[in-house]
Amino acid sequence: MANTHDFKTPCNFAIANASNERKFIRELCKRENASALDAWLKSVPQRYYAIEFAWKKGEHPKRGEFSPDFFIKKGDVIYVVEIKDDAEVTDPSPDNLKKFDYAQAHFDRLNQWLNKAKIPTRYQHNWLSPRSYNPFFQLLREDKAQGFRSELDVVLRAVLMVASGNGKGKK
């Protein structure tokens, strides 16, 4: 039976922008998952926690920014989760590749700064599609989600490594 205290967010409602986000929110609110985390927040689509990125659309350089979909706190780890469709696993879009690349570099820099400042909080950046929800939440419940990489994370990293030609994505 659901309990109102399982809605571990400072907001009294969350607006999902797509069905995949609604499914993810339902998973967050399940008793077994809610009891395994400290808090979560669904960000608004723009300007909540904006990360700038750049990419080329054809021959035209483009600049943009995006806000990751969810922030989930468990202990000293903040899981920053971007939700995408399963289709991105087989055919990632160029702008999503750049969003992922720039966001990963952003959180790497942030974690380096936190480490240098001796602050124990760490940020883990993950991109999830519905087929990764179960493994993510299972590891979260078991307190083993640190270092988790979804199938989409792995694909995006691999495509970026191949595109860069040197085994590393753009930092």
C-alpha atoms as a PDB file:
ATOM      1  CA  MET A   1       0.000   0.000   0.000  1.00  0.00           C
ATOM      2  CA  ALA A   2       1.357   3.434  -0.937  1.00  0.00           C
ATOM      3  CA  ASN A   3       2.322   5.883   1.786  1.00  0.00           C
ATOM      4  CA  THR A   4       2.423   9.655   1.283  1.00  0.00           C
ATOM      5  CA  HIS A   5       5.847   9.700   2.961  1.00  0.00           C
ATOM      6  CA  ASP A   6       7.267   7.654   0.057  1.00  0.00           C
ATOM      7  CA  PHE A   7       7.127  10.779  -2.146  1.00  0.00           C
ATOM      8  CA  LYS A   8      10.652  11.842  -1.120  1.00  0.00           C
ATOM      9  CA  THR A   9      10.812  15.149  -2.925  1.00  0.00           C
ATOM     10  CA  PRO A  10      10.474  18.715  -1.595  1.00  0.00           C
ATOM     11  CA  CYS A  11       7.749  19.295  -4.193  1.00  0.00           C
ATOM     12  CA  ASN A  12       4.153  18.238  -3.675  1.00  0.00           C
ATOM     13  CA  PHE A  13       3.878  17.054  -7.286  1.00  0.00           C
ATOM     14  CA  ALA A  14       6.154  16.226 -10.223  1.00  0.00           C
ATOM     15  CA  ILE A  15       5.398  16.922 -13.865  1.00  0.00           C
ATOM     16  CA  ALA A  16       6.715  14.362 -16.330  1.00  0.00           C
ATOM     17  CA  ASN A  17       7.374  15.617 -19.843  1.00  0.00           C
ATOM     18  CA  ALA A  18       7.124  12.172 -21.468  1.00  0.00           C
ATOM     19  CA  SER A  19       5.811   8.697 -20.741  1.00  0.00           C
ATOM     20  CA  ASN A  20       9.326   7.413 -19.971  1.00  0.00           C
ATOM     21  CA  GLU A  21       9.655  10.066 -17.260  1.00  0.00           C
ATOM     22  CA  ARG A  22       6.263   9.079 -15.816  1.00  0.00           C
ATOM     23  CA  LYS A  23       7.428   5.452 -15.653  1.00  0.00           C
ATOM     24  CA  PHE A  24      10.605   6.562 -13.889  1.00  0.00           C
ATOM     25  CA  ILE A  25       8.635   8.623 -11.341  1.00  0.00           C
ATOM     26  CA  ARG A  26       6.435   5.594 -10.654  1.00  0.00           C
ATOM     27  CA  GLU A  27       9.605   3.589  -9.957  1.00  0.00           C
ATOM     28  CA  LEU A  28      10.908   6.323  -7.636  1.00  0.00           C
ATOM     29  CA  CYS A  29       7.660   6.181  -5.651  1.00  0.00           C
ATOM     30  CA  LYS A  30       7.509   2.406  -5.253  1.00  0.00           C
ATOM     31  CA  ARG A  31       7.921   1.581  -1.577  1.00  0.00           C
ATOM     32  CA  GLU A  32      11.006  -0.628  -2.080  1.00  0.00           C
ATOM     33  CA  ASN A  33      12.763   2.093  -4.099  1.00  0.00           C
ATOM     34  CA  ALA A  34      11.619   5.090  -2.063  1.00  0.00           C
ATOM     35  CA  SER A  35      12.847   3.483   1.148  1.00  0.00           C
ATOM     36  CA  ALA A  36      16.297   2.994  -0.407  1.00  0.00           C
ATOM     37  CA  LEU A  37      16.945   6.678  -1.151  1.00  0.00           C
ATOM     38  CA  ASP A  38      17.096   9.902   0.828  1.00  0.00           C
ATOM     39  CA  ALA A  39      15.443  12.320  -1.607  1.00  0.00           C
ATOM     40  CA  TRP A  40      14.806  13.096  -5.249  1.00  0.00           C
ATOM     41  CA  LEU A  41      13.887  16.047  -7.425  1.00  0.00           C
ATOM     42  CA  LYS A  42      12.413  16.242 -10.922  1.00  0.00           C
ATOM     43  CA  SER A  43      13.865  19.309 -12.562  1.00  0.00           C
ATOM     44  CA  VAL A  44      12.079  21.531 -15.010  1.00  0.00           C
ATOM     45  CA  PRO A  45      13.083  21.160 -18.685  1.00  0.00           C
ATOM     46  CA  GLN A  46      15.124  24.358 -18.873  1.00  0.00           C
ATOM     47  CA  ARG A  47      17.305  26.509 -16.670  1.00  0.00           C
ATOM     48  CA  TYR A  48      17.014  24.499 -13.443  1.00  0.00           C
ATOM     49  CA  TYR A  49      20.556  23.148 -13.559  1.00  0.00           C
ATOM     50  CA  ALA A  50      21.637  24.258 -17.010  1.00  0.00           C
ATOM     51  CA  ILE A  51      24.612  22.584 -18.662  1.00  0.00           C
ATOM     52  CA  GLU A  52      25.862  24.274 -21.812  1.00  0.00           C
ATOM     53  CA  PHE A  53      26.866  22.200 -24.824  1.00  0.00           C
ATOM     54  CA  ALA A  54      27.831  22.720 -28.465  1.00  0.00           C
ATOM     55  CA  TRP A  55      27.411  20.568 -31.577  1.00  0.00           C
ATOM     56  CA  LYS A  56      27.263  20.829 -35.326  1.00  0.00           C
ATOM     57  CA  LYS A  57      23.989  20.503 -37.172  1.00  0.00           C
ATOM     58  CA  GLY A  58      25.128  19.894 -40.719  1.00  0.00           C
ATOM     59  CA  GLU A  59      27.693  22.626 -41.338  1.00  0.00           C
ATOM     60  CA  HIS A  60      26.254  24.990 -38.750  1.00  0.00           C
ATOM     61  CA  PRO A  61      27.656  25.136 -35.219  1.00  0.00           C
ATOM     62  CA  LYS A  62      24.959  25.198 -32.569  1.00  0.00           C
ATOM     63  CA  ARG A  63      25.028  26.027 -28.872  1.00  0.00           C
ATOM     64  CA  GLY A  64      22.459  25.039 -26.346  1.00  0.00           C
ATOM     65  CA  GLU A  65      21.858  24.044 -22.774  1.00  0.00           C
ATOM     66  CA  PHE A  66      19.865  21.372 -21.052  1.00  0.00           C
ATOM     67  CA  SER A  67      18.835  20.461 -17.535  1.00  0.00           C
ATOM     68  CA  PRO A  68      19.127  16.821 -16.439  1.00  0.00           C
ATOM     69  CA  ASP A  69      15.756  15.276 -15.598  1.00  0.00           C
ATOM     70  CA  PHE A  70      16.299  13.933 -12.071  1.00  0.00           C
ATOM     71  CA  PHE A  71      18.549  14.402  -9.049  1.00  0.00           C
ATOM     72  CA  ILE A  72      18.442  11.466  -6.617  1.00  0.00           C
ATOM     73  CA  LYS A  73      20.251  11.591  -3.276  1.00  0.00           C
ATOM     74  CA  LYS A  74      21.436   8.481  -1.484  1.00  0.00           C
ATOM     75  CA  GLY A  75      24.011   9.075   1.214  1.00  0.00           C
ATOM     76  CA  ASP A  76      26.863  11.152  -0.164  1.00  0.00           C
ATOM     77  CA  VAL A  77      25.999  10.396  -3.792  1.00  0.00           C
ATOM     78  CA  ILE A  78      23.764  12.503  -6.015  1.00  0.00           C
ATOM     79  CA  TYR A  79      22.658  10.491  -9.041  1.00  0.00           C
ATOM     80  CA  VAL A  80      22.016  12.889 -11.914  1.00  0.00           C
ATOM     81  CA  VAL A  81      19.708  11.049 -14.297  1.00  0.00           C
ATOM     82  CA  GLU A  82      18.686  11.967 -17.828  1.00  0.00           C
ATOM     83  CA  ILE A  83      15.804   9.910 -19.235  1.00  0.00           C
ATOM     84  CA  LYS A  84      15.759   8.913 -22.903  1.00  0.00           C
ATOM     85  CA  ASP A  85      13.843   6.489 -25.074  1.00  0.00           C
ATOM     86  CA  ASP A  86      15.165   2.965 -25.727  1.00  0.00           C
ATOM     87  CA  ALA A  87      15.672   3.986 -29.392  1.00  0.00           C
ATOM     88  CA  GLU A  88      18.654   6.144 -28.327  1.00  0.00           C
ATOM     89  CA  VAL A  89      20.547   2.944 -27.462  1.00  0.00           C
ATOM     90  CA  THR A  90      20.603   1.824 -31.090  1.00  0.00           C
ATOM     91  CA  ASP A  91      20.643   5.252 -32.762  1.00  0.00           C
ATOM     92  CA  PRO A  92      21.870   8.088 -30.515  1.00  0.00           C
ATOM     93  CA  SER A  93      21.148  11.562 -31.853  1.00  0.00           C
ATOM     94  CA  PRO A  94      24.083  13.954 -32.407  1.00  0.00           C
ATOM     95  CA  ASP A  95      22.749  16.558 -29.977  1.00  0.00           C
ATOM     96  CA  ASN A  96      22.239  13.915 -27.261  1.00  0.00           C
ATOM     97  CA  LEU A  97      25.805  12.694 -27.791  1.00  0.00           C
ATOM     98  CA  LYS A  98      27.063  16.209 -27.149  1.00  0.00           C
ATOM     99  CA  LYS A  99      24.752  16.755 -24.181  1.00  0.00           C
ATOM    100  CA  PHE A 100      26.095  13.530 -22.652  1.00  0.00           C
ATOM    101  CA  ASP A 101      29.719  14.449 -23.404  1.00  0.00           C
ATOM    102  CA  TYR A 102      29.513  17.960 -21.978  1.00  0.00           C
ATOM    103  CA  ALA A 103      27.509  16.815 -18.930  1.00  0.00           C
ATOM    104  CA  GLN A 104      30.025  14.055 -18.175  1.00  0.00           C
ATOM    105  CA  ALA A 105      32.887  16.568 -18.363  1.00  0.00           C
ATOM    106  CA  HIS A 106      30.908  18.953 -16.124  1.00  0.00           C
ATOM    107  CA  PHE A 107      30.343  16.357 -13.393  1.00  0.00           C
ATOM    108  CA  ASP A 108      33.941  15.108 -13.641  1.00  0.00           C
ATOM    109  CA  ARG A 109      35.139  18.669 -12.963  1.00  0.00           C
ATOM    110  CA  LEU A 110      32.620  19.102 -10.149  1.00  0.00           C
ATOM    111  CA  ASN A 111      33.730  15.859  -8.469  1.00  0.00           C
ATOM    112  CA  GLN A 112      37.389  16.881  -8.784  1.00  0.00           C
ATOM    113  CA  TRP A 113      36.584  20.186  -7.086  1.00  0.00           C
ATOM    114  CA  LEU A 114      34.607  18.433  -4.304  1.00  0.00           C
ATOM    115  CA  ASN A 115      37.481  15.999  -3.782  1.00  0.00           C
ATOM    116  CA  LYS A 116      40.026  18.814  -3.590  1.00  0.00           C
ATOM    117  CA  ALA A 117      37.796  20.681  -1.121  1.00  0.00           C
ATOM    118  CA  LYS A 118      37.461  17.460   0.935  1.00  0.00           C
ATOM    119  CA  ILE A 119      33.670  17.496   0.583  1.00  0.00           C
ATOM    120  CA  PRO A 120      32.351  13.905   0.586  1.00  0.00           C
ATOM    121  CA  THR A 121      29.434  14.477  -1.813  1.00  0.00           C
ATOM    122  CA  ARG A 122      29.923  13.003  -5.292  1.00  0.00           C
ATOM    123  CA  TYR A 123      27.813  13.273  -8.433  1.00  0.00           C
ATOM    124  CA  GLN A 124      27.169  10.313 -10.716  1.00  0.00           C
ATOM    125  CA  HIS A 125      25.827  11.112 -14.143  1.00  0.00           C
ATOM    126  CA  ASN A 126      23.654   8.455 -15.825  1.00  0.00           C
ATOM    127  CA  TRP A 127      21.463   8.352 -18.892  1.00  0.00           C
ATOM    128  CA  LEU A 128      18.715   5.778 -18.557  1.00  0.00           C
ATOM    129  CA  SER A 129      16.171   4.319 -20.915  1.00  0.00           C
ATOM    130  CA  PRO A 130      13.255   2.196 -19.670  1.00  0.00           C
ATOM    131  CA  ARG A 131      15.149  -1.065 -20.124  1.00  0.00           C
ATOM    132  CA  SER A 132      17.738   0.168 -17.578  1.00  0.00           C
ATOM    133  CA  TYR A 133      15.256   1.163 -14.863  1.00  0.00           C
ATOM    134  CA  ASN A 134      15.132  -2.257 -13.184  1.00  0.00           C
ATOM    135  CA  PRO A 135      18.919  -2.770 -12.961  1.00  0.00           C
ATOM    136  CA  PHE A 136      19.418   0.821 -11.749  1.00  0.00           C
ATOM    137  CA  PHE A 137      16.825   0.573  -8.984  1.00  0.00           C
ATOM    138  CA  GLN A 138      17.929  -2.909  -7.955  1.00  0.00           C
ATOM    139  CA  LEU A 139      21.508  -1.678  -7.496  1.00  0.00           C
ATOM    140  CA  LEU A 140      20.242   1.446  -5.737  1.00  0.00           C
ATOM    141  CA  ARG A 141      18.273  -0.718  -3.276  1.00  0.00           C
ATOM    142  CA  GLU A 142      21.344  -2.913  -2.697  1.00  0.00           C
ATOM    143  CA  ASP A 143      23.561   0.158  -2.178  1.00  0.00           C
ATOM    144  CA  LYS A 144      25.669  -0.899  -5.196  1.00  0.00           C
ATOM    145  CA  ALA A 145      24.699   1.785  -7.742  1.00  0.00           C
ATOM    146  CA  GLN A 146      27.950   3.730  -7.471  1.00  0.00           C
ATOM    147  CA  GLY A 147      29.768   3.222 -10.757  1.00  0.00           C
ATOM    148  CA  PHE A 148      26.639   1.865 -12.493  1.00  0.00           C
ATOM    149  CA  ARG A 149      26.602   2.401 -16.244  1.00  0.00           C
ATOM    150  CA  SER A 150      23.398   1.798 -18.186  1.00  0.00           C
ATOM    151  CA  GLU A 151      23.372   0.300 -21.643  1.00  0.00           C
ATOM    152  CA  LEU A 152      22.772   3.823 -22.983  1.00  0.00           C
ATOM    153  CA  ASP A 153      25.747   5.217 -20.993  1.00  0.00           C
ATOM    154  CA  VAL A 154      27.987   2.532 -22.494  1.00  0.00           C
ATOM    155  CA  VAL A 155      26.773   3.152 -26.051  1.00  0.00           C
ATOM    156  CA  LEU A 156      27.150   6.934 -25.789  1.00  0.00           C
ATOM    157  CA  ARG A 157      30.687   6.622 -24.389  1.00  0.00           C
ATOM    158  CA  ALA A 158      31.665   4.158 -27.128  1.00  0.00           C
ATOM    159  CA  VAL A 159      30.303   6.365 -29.930  1.00  0.00           C
ATOM    160  CA  LEU A 160      32.131   9.391 -28.492  1.00  0.00           C
ATOM    161  CA  MET A 161      35.388   7.438 -28.233  1.00  0.00           C
ATOM    162  CA  VAL A 162      35.153   6.326 -31.856  1.00  0.00           C
ATOM    163  CA  ALA A 163      34.211   9.847 -33.001  1.00  0.00           C
ATOM    164  CA  SER A 164      37.149  11.424 -31.171  1.00  0.00           C
ATOM    165  CA  GLY A 165      39.613   8.998 -32.742  1.00  0.00           C
ATOM    166  CA  ASN A 166      41.800   8.969 -29.624  1.00  0.00           C
ATOM    167  CA  GLY A 167      39.829   6.793 -27.255  1.00  0.00           C
ATOM    168  CA  LYS A 168      38.430   9.690 -25.197  1.00  0.00           C
ATOM    169  CA  GLY A 169      35.391  11.892 -25.488  1.00  0.00           C
ATOM    170  CA  LYS A 170      35.761  15.678 -25.662  1.00  0.00           C
ATOM    171  CA  LYS A 171      36.426  17.275 -22.305  1.00  0.00           C
END
